[in-house]
PDB file of N, CA and C in Angstrom:
ATOM      1  N   MET A   1       0.713  -1.215  -0.023  1.00  0.00           N
ATOM      2  CA  MET A   1       0.047  -0.037  -0.028  1.00  0.00           C
ATOM      3  C   MET A   1       0.715   1.295   0.017  1.00  0.00           C
ATOM      4  N   LYS A   2       2.293   1.101   0.068  1.00  0.00           N
ATOM      5  CA  LYS A   2       3.054   2.330   0.207  1.00  0.00           C
ATOM      6  C   LYS A   2       2.924   3.079  -1.255  1.00  0.00           C
ATOM      7  N   LYS A   3       2.740   2.446  -2.424  1.00  0.00           N
ATOM      8  CA  LYS A   3       2.351   2.980  -3.549  1.00  0.00           C
ATOM      9  C   LYS A   3       1.416   4.007  -3.487  1.00  0.00           C
ATOM     10  N   TYR A   4       0.256   3.579  -2.886  1.00  0.00           N
ATOM     11  CA  TYR A   4      -0.891   4.555  -2.782  1.00  0.00           C
ATOM     12  C   TYR A   4      -0.649   5.659  -1.805  1.00  0.00           C
ATOM     13  N   LYS A   5       0.113   5.409  -0.680  1.00  0.00           N
ATOM     14  CA  LYS A   5       0.409   6.495   0.132  1.00  0.00           C
ATOM     15  C   LYS A   5       1.294   7.538  -0.494  1.00  0.00           C
ATOM     16  N   LEU A   6       2.298   6.947  -1.405  1.00  0.00           N
ATOM     17  CA  LEU A   6       3.105   7.942  -2.234  1.00  0.00           C
ATOM     18  C   LEU A   6       2.465   8.888  -3.135  1.00  0.00           C
ATOM     19  N   LEU A   7       1.415   8.252  -3.996  1.00  0.00           N
ATOM     20  CA  LEU A   7       0.543   8.812  -4.685  1.00  0.00           C
ATOM     21  C   LEU A   7      -0.262   9.925  -3.992  1.00  0.00           C
ATOM     22  N   ILE A   8      -0.763   9.678  -3.061  1.00  0.00           N
ATOM     23  CA  ILE A   8      -1.586  10.528  -2.330  1.00  0.00           C
ATOM     24  C   ILE A   8      -0.831  11.764  -1.791  1.00  0.00           C
ATOM     25  N   LYS A   9       0.508  11.594  -1.353  1.00  0.00           N
ATOM     26  CA  LYS A   9       1.176  12.621  -1.002  1.00  0.00           C
ATOM     27  C   LYS A   9       1.749  13.462  -2.345  1.00  0.00           C
ATOM     28  N   GLN A  10       2.221  12.842  -3.393  1.00  0.00           N
ATOM     29  CA  GLN A  10       2.461  13.606  -4.714  1.00  0.00           C
ATOM     30  C   GLN A  10       1.478  14.407  -5.223  1.00  0.00           C
ATOM     31  N   LYS A  11       0.184  13.650  -4.872  1.00  0.00           N
ATOM     32  CA  LYS A  11      -1.072  14.681  -5.581  1.00  0.00           C
ATOM     33  C   LYS A  11      -1.521  15.670  -4.412  1.00  0.00           C
ATOM     34  N   GLY A  12      -1.099  15.652  -3.425  1.00  0.00           N
ATOM     35  CA  GLY A  12      -1.534  16.827  -2.335  1.00  0.00           C
ATOM     36  C   GLY A  12      -2.938  16.528  -1.981  1.00  0.00           C
ATOM     37  N   LEU A  13      -3.377  15.223  -1.763  1.00  0.00           N
ATOM     38  CA  LEU A  13      -4.591  14.775  -1.512  1.00  0.00           C
ATOM     39  C   LEU A  13      -4.764  14.657   0.144  1.00  0.00           C
ATOM     40  N   LYS A  14      -5.915  14.826   0.483  1.00  0.00           N
ATOM     41  CA  LYS A  14      -5.943  14.468   2.189  1.00  0.00           C
ATOM     42  C   LYS A  14      -6.619  13.236   2.194  1.00  0.00           C
ATOM     43  N   ILE A  15      -6.214  12.278   3.267  1.00  0.00           N
ATOM     44  CA  ILE A  15      -6.761  11.165   3.532  1.00  0.00           C
ATOM     45  C   ILE A  15      -8.120  11.145   4.047  1.00  0.00           C
ATOM     46  N   SER A  16      -8.479  12.197   4.737  1.00  0.00           N
ATOM     47  CA  SER A  16     -10.001  12.461   4.966  1.00  0.00           C
ATOM     48  C   SER A  16     -10.784  12.527   3.832  1.00  0.00           C
ATOM     49  N   TRP A  17     -10.436  13.498   2.747  1.00  0.00           N
ATOM     50  CA  TRP A  17     -11.261  13.564   1.699  1.00  0.00           C
ATOM     51  C   TRP A  17     -11.382  12.303   0.715  1.00  0.00           C
ATOM     52  N   ILE A  18     -10.324  11.527   0.587  1.00  0.00           N
ATOM     53  CA  ILE A  18     -10.271  10.372  -0.072  1.00  0.00           C
ATOM     54  C   ILE A  18     -11.108   9.294   0.688  1.00  0.00           C
ATOM     55  N   ALA A  19     -11.291   9.273   1.892  1.00  0.00           N
ATOM     56  CA  ALA A  19     -12.106   8.376   2.793  1.00  0.00           C
ATOM     57  C   ALA A  19     -13.390   8.803   2.385  1.00  0.00           C
ATOM     58  N   ASP A  20     -13.867  10.109   2.292  1.00  0.00           N
ATOM     59  CA  ASP A  20     -15.087  10.510   2.160  1.00  0.00           C
ATOM     60  C   ASP A  20     -15.759  10.084   0.736  1.00  0.00           C
ATOM     61  N   GLN A  21     -14.625  10.237  -0.367  1.00  0.00           N
ATOM     62  CA  GLN A  21     -15.030   9.760  -1.700  1.00  0.00           C
ATOM     63  C   GLN A  21     -15.296   8.372  -1.795  1.00  0.00           C
ATOM     64  N   LEU A  22     -14.580   7.600  -0.656  1.00  0.00           N
ATOM     65  CA  LEU A  22     -14.818   6.015  -0.845  1.00  0.00           C
ATOM     66  C   LEU A  22     -15.799   5.392  -0.110  1.00  0.00           C
ATOM     67  N   GLY A  23     -16.343   6.432   0.676  1.00  0.00           N
ATOM     68  CA  GLY A  23     -17.547   5.932   1.592  1.00  0.00           C
ATOM     69  C   GLY A  23     -17.238   5.232   2.689  1.00  0.00           C
ATOM     70  N   ILE A  24     -15.891   5.299   3.247  1.00  0.00           N
ATOM     71  CA  ILE A  24     -15.461   4.687   4.512  1.00  0.00           C
ATOM     72  C   ILE A  24     -14.714   5.710   5.358  1.00  0.00           C
ATOM     73  N   SER A  25     -14.443   5.413   6.612  1.00  0.00           N
ATOM     74  CA  SER A  25     -13.987   6.341   7.635  1.00  0.00           C
ATOM     75  C   SER A  25     -12.451   6.524   7.497  1.00  0.00           C
ATOM     76  N   GLN A  26     -12.235   7.703   7.773  1.00  0.00           N
ATOM     77  CA  GLN A  26     -10.559   8.001   7.795  1.00  0.00           C
ATOM     78  C   GLN A  26      -9.856   6.861   8.481  1.00  0.00           C
ATOM     79  N   PRO A  27     -10.138   6.473   9.740  1.00  0.00           N
ATOM     80  CA  PRO A  27      -9.303   5.571  10.495  1.00  0.00           C
ATOM     81  C   PRO A  27      -9.165   4.120   9.614  1.00  0.00           C
ATOM     82  N   THR A  28     -10.402   3.729   8.995  1.00  0.00           N
ATOM     83  CA  THR A  28     -10.308   2.776   8.441  1.00  0.00           C
ATOM     84  C   THR A  28      -9.387   2.625   6.931  1.00  0.00           C
ATOM     85  N   LEU A  29      -9.439   3.971   6.316  1.00  0.00           N
ATOM     86  CA  LEU A  29      -8.544   3.914   5.194  1.00  0.00           C
ATOM     87  C   LEU A  29      -7.027   3.883   5.740  1.00  0.00           C
ATOM     88  N   SER A  30      -6.714   4.641   6.744  1.00  0.00           N
ATOM     89  CA  SER A  30      -5.284   4.650   7.106  1.00  0.00           C
ATOM     90  C   SER A  30      -5.005   3.143   7.568  1.00  0.00           C
ATOM     91  N   MET A  31      -5.884   2.355   8.210  1.00  0.00           N
ATOM     92  CA  MET A  31      -5.442   1.135   8.474  1.00  0.00           C
ATOM     93  C   MET A  31      -5.124   0.404   7.124  1.00  0.00           C
ATOM     94  N   TYR A  32      -5.959   0.603   6.214  1.00  0.00           N
ATOM     95  CA  TYR A  32      -5.729  -0.025   4.825  1.00  0.00           C
ATOM     96  C   TYR A  32      -4.274   0.236   4.159  1.00  0.00           C
ATOM     97  N   LEU A  33      -4.186   1.652   4.249  1.00  0.00           N
ATOM     98  CA  LEU A  33      -2.865   2.190   3.758  1.00  0.00           C
ATOM     99  C   LEU A  33      -1.515   1.626   4.665  1.00  0.00           C
ATOM    100  N   ASN A  34      -1.815   1.415   5.800  1.00  0.00           N
ATOM    101  CA  ASN A  34      -0.701   0.967   6.772  1.00  0.00           C
ATOM    102  C   ASN A  34      -0.597  -0.369   6.901  1.00  0.00           C
ATOM    103  N   ASN A  35      -1.334  -1.227   6.024  1.00  0.00           N
ATOM    104  CA  ASN A  35      -1.156  -2.704   6.006  1.00  0.00           C
ATOM    105  C   ASN A  35      -1.800  -3.388   7.312  1.00  0.00           C
ATOM    106  N   LYS A  36      -2.676  -2.610   8.275  1.00  0.00           N
ATOM    107  CA  LYS A  36      -3.085  -3.042   9.383  1.00  0.00           C
ATOM    108  C   LYS A  36      -4.454  -4.190   9.304  1.00  0.00           C
ATOM    109  N   ARG A  37      -5.060  -3.670   8.129  1.00  0.00           N
ATOM    110  CA  ARG A  37      -6.249  -4.348   7.509  1.00  0.00           C
ATOM    111  C   ARG A  37      -6.274  -4.670   6.074  1.00  0.00           C
ATOM    112  N   GLU A  38      -6.628  -5.598   5.424  1.00  0.00           N
ATOM    113  CA  GLU A  38      -6.581  -5.928   4.144  1.00  0.00           C
ATOM    114  C   GLU A  38      -7.655  -5.039   3.431  1.00  0.00           C
ATOM    115  N   MET A  39      -7.184  -4.369   2.349  1.00  0.00           N
ATOM    116  CA  MET A  39      -8.308  -3.612   1.685  1.00  0.00           C
ATOM    117  C   MET A  39      -9.060  -4.298   0.681  1.00  0.00           C
ATOM    118  N   PRO A  40     -10.343  -4.267   0.938  1.00  0.00           N
ATOM    119  CA  PRO A  40     -11.153  -5.088  -0.020  1.00  0.00           C
ATOM    120  C   PRO A  40     -10.954  -4.644  -1.544  1.00  0.00           C
ATOM    121  N   TYR A  41     -11.266  -5.687  -2.428  1.00  0.00           N
ATOM    122  CA  TYR A  41     -10.760  -5.424  -3.768  1.00  0.00           C
ATOM    123  C   TYR A  41     -11.768  -4.146  -4.339  1.00  0.00           C
ATOM    124  N   GLU A  42     -12.845  -3.988  -4.142  1.00  0.00           N
ATOM    125  CA  GLU A  42     -13.717  -2.935  -4.405  1.00  0.00           C
ATOM    126  C   GLU A  42     -13.277  -1.507  -4.099  1.00  0.00           C
ATOM    127  N   VAL A  43     -12.745  -1.345  -2.825  1.00  0.00           N
ATOM    128  CA  VAL A  43     -12.308  -0.228  -2.177  1.00  0.00           C
ATOM    129  C   VAL A  43     -11.034   0.006  -2.971  1.00  0.00           C
ATOM    130  N   GLU A  44     -10.144  -0.871  -3.212  1.00  0.00           N
ATOM    131  CA  GLU A  44      -8.997  -0.714  -3.859  1.00  0.00           C
ATOM    132  C   GLU A  44      -9.235  -0.212  -5.549  1.00  0.00           C
ATOM    133  N   GLN A  45     -10.209  -0.693  -6.039  1.00  0.00           N
ATOM    134  CA  GLN A  45     -10.770  -0.271  -7.398  1.00  0.00           C
ATOM    135  C   GLN A  45     -10.987   1.184  -7.367  1.00  0.00           C
ATOM    136  N   ARG A  46     -11.758   1.362  -6.514  1.00  0.00           N
ATOM    137  CA  ARG A  46     -12.167   2.905  -6.311  1.00  0.00           C
ATOM    138  C   ARG A  46     -11.048   3.840  -6.109  1.00  0.00           C
ATOM    139  N   LEU A  47     -10.266   3.480  -5.158  1.00  0.00           N
ATOM    140  CA  LEU A  47      -9.014   4.165  -4.781  1.00  0.00           C
ATOM    141  C   LEU A  47      -8.066   4.287  -6.178  1.00  0.00           C
ATOM    142  N   LYS A  48      -8.139   3.367  -6.907  1.00  0.00           N
ATOM    143  CA  LYS A  48      -7.267   3.568  -8.052  1.00  0.00           C
ATOM    144  C   LYS A  48      -7.714   4.600  -9.073  1.00  0.00           C
ATOM    145  N   LYS A  49      -8.964   4.597  -9.209  1.00  0.00           N
ATOM    146  CA  LYS A  49      -9.818   5.613 -10.032  1.00  0.00           C
ATOM    147  C   LYS A  49      -9.478   7.079  -9.522  1.00  0.00           C
ATOM    148  N   ILE A  50      -9.478   7.118  -8.123  1.00  0.00           N
ATOM    149  CA  ILE A  50      -9.426   8.480  -7.647  1.00  0.00           C
ATOM    150  C   ILE A  50      -7.932   9.011  -7.812  1.00  0.00           C
ATOM    151  N   LEU A  51      -6.842   8.147  -7.864  1.00  0.00           N
ATOM    152  CA  LEU A  51      -5.412   8.393  -7.720  1.00  0.00           C
ATOM    153  C   LEU A  51      -5.077   8.453  -9.104  1.00  0.00           C
ATOM    154  N   LEU A  52      -5.425   7.889 -10.250  1.00  0.00           N
ATOM    155  CA  LEU A  52      -5.142   7.773 -11.646  1.00  0.00           C
ATOM    156  C   LEU A  52      -5.811   8.579 -12.454  1.00  0.00           C
TER     157      LEU A  52
END
């Protein structure tokens, strides 16, 4: 998930904004990005659309 964290930082996006766009909480997104929880496939696909 480091690739996503890097893209978020490069694009200057906020975790809270991305979480809102994904329909999940900011702590949940942080857990996904820090490999504390496995990111569901659907969430990962939506995250890719936001970042690319």
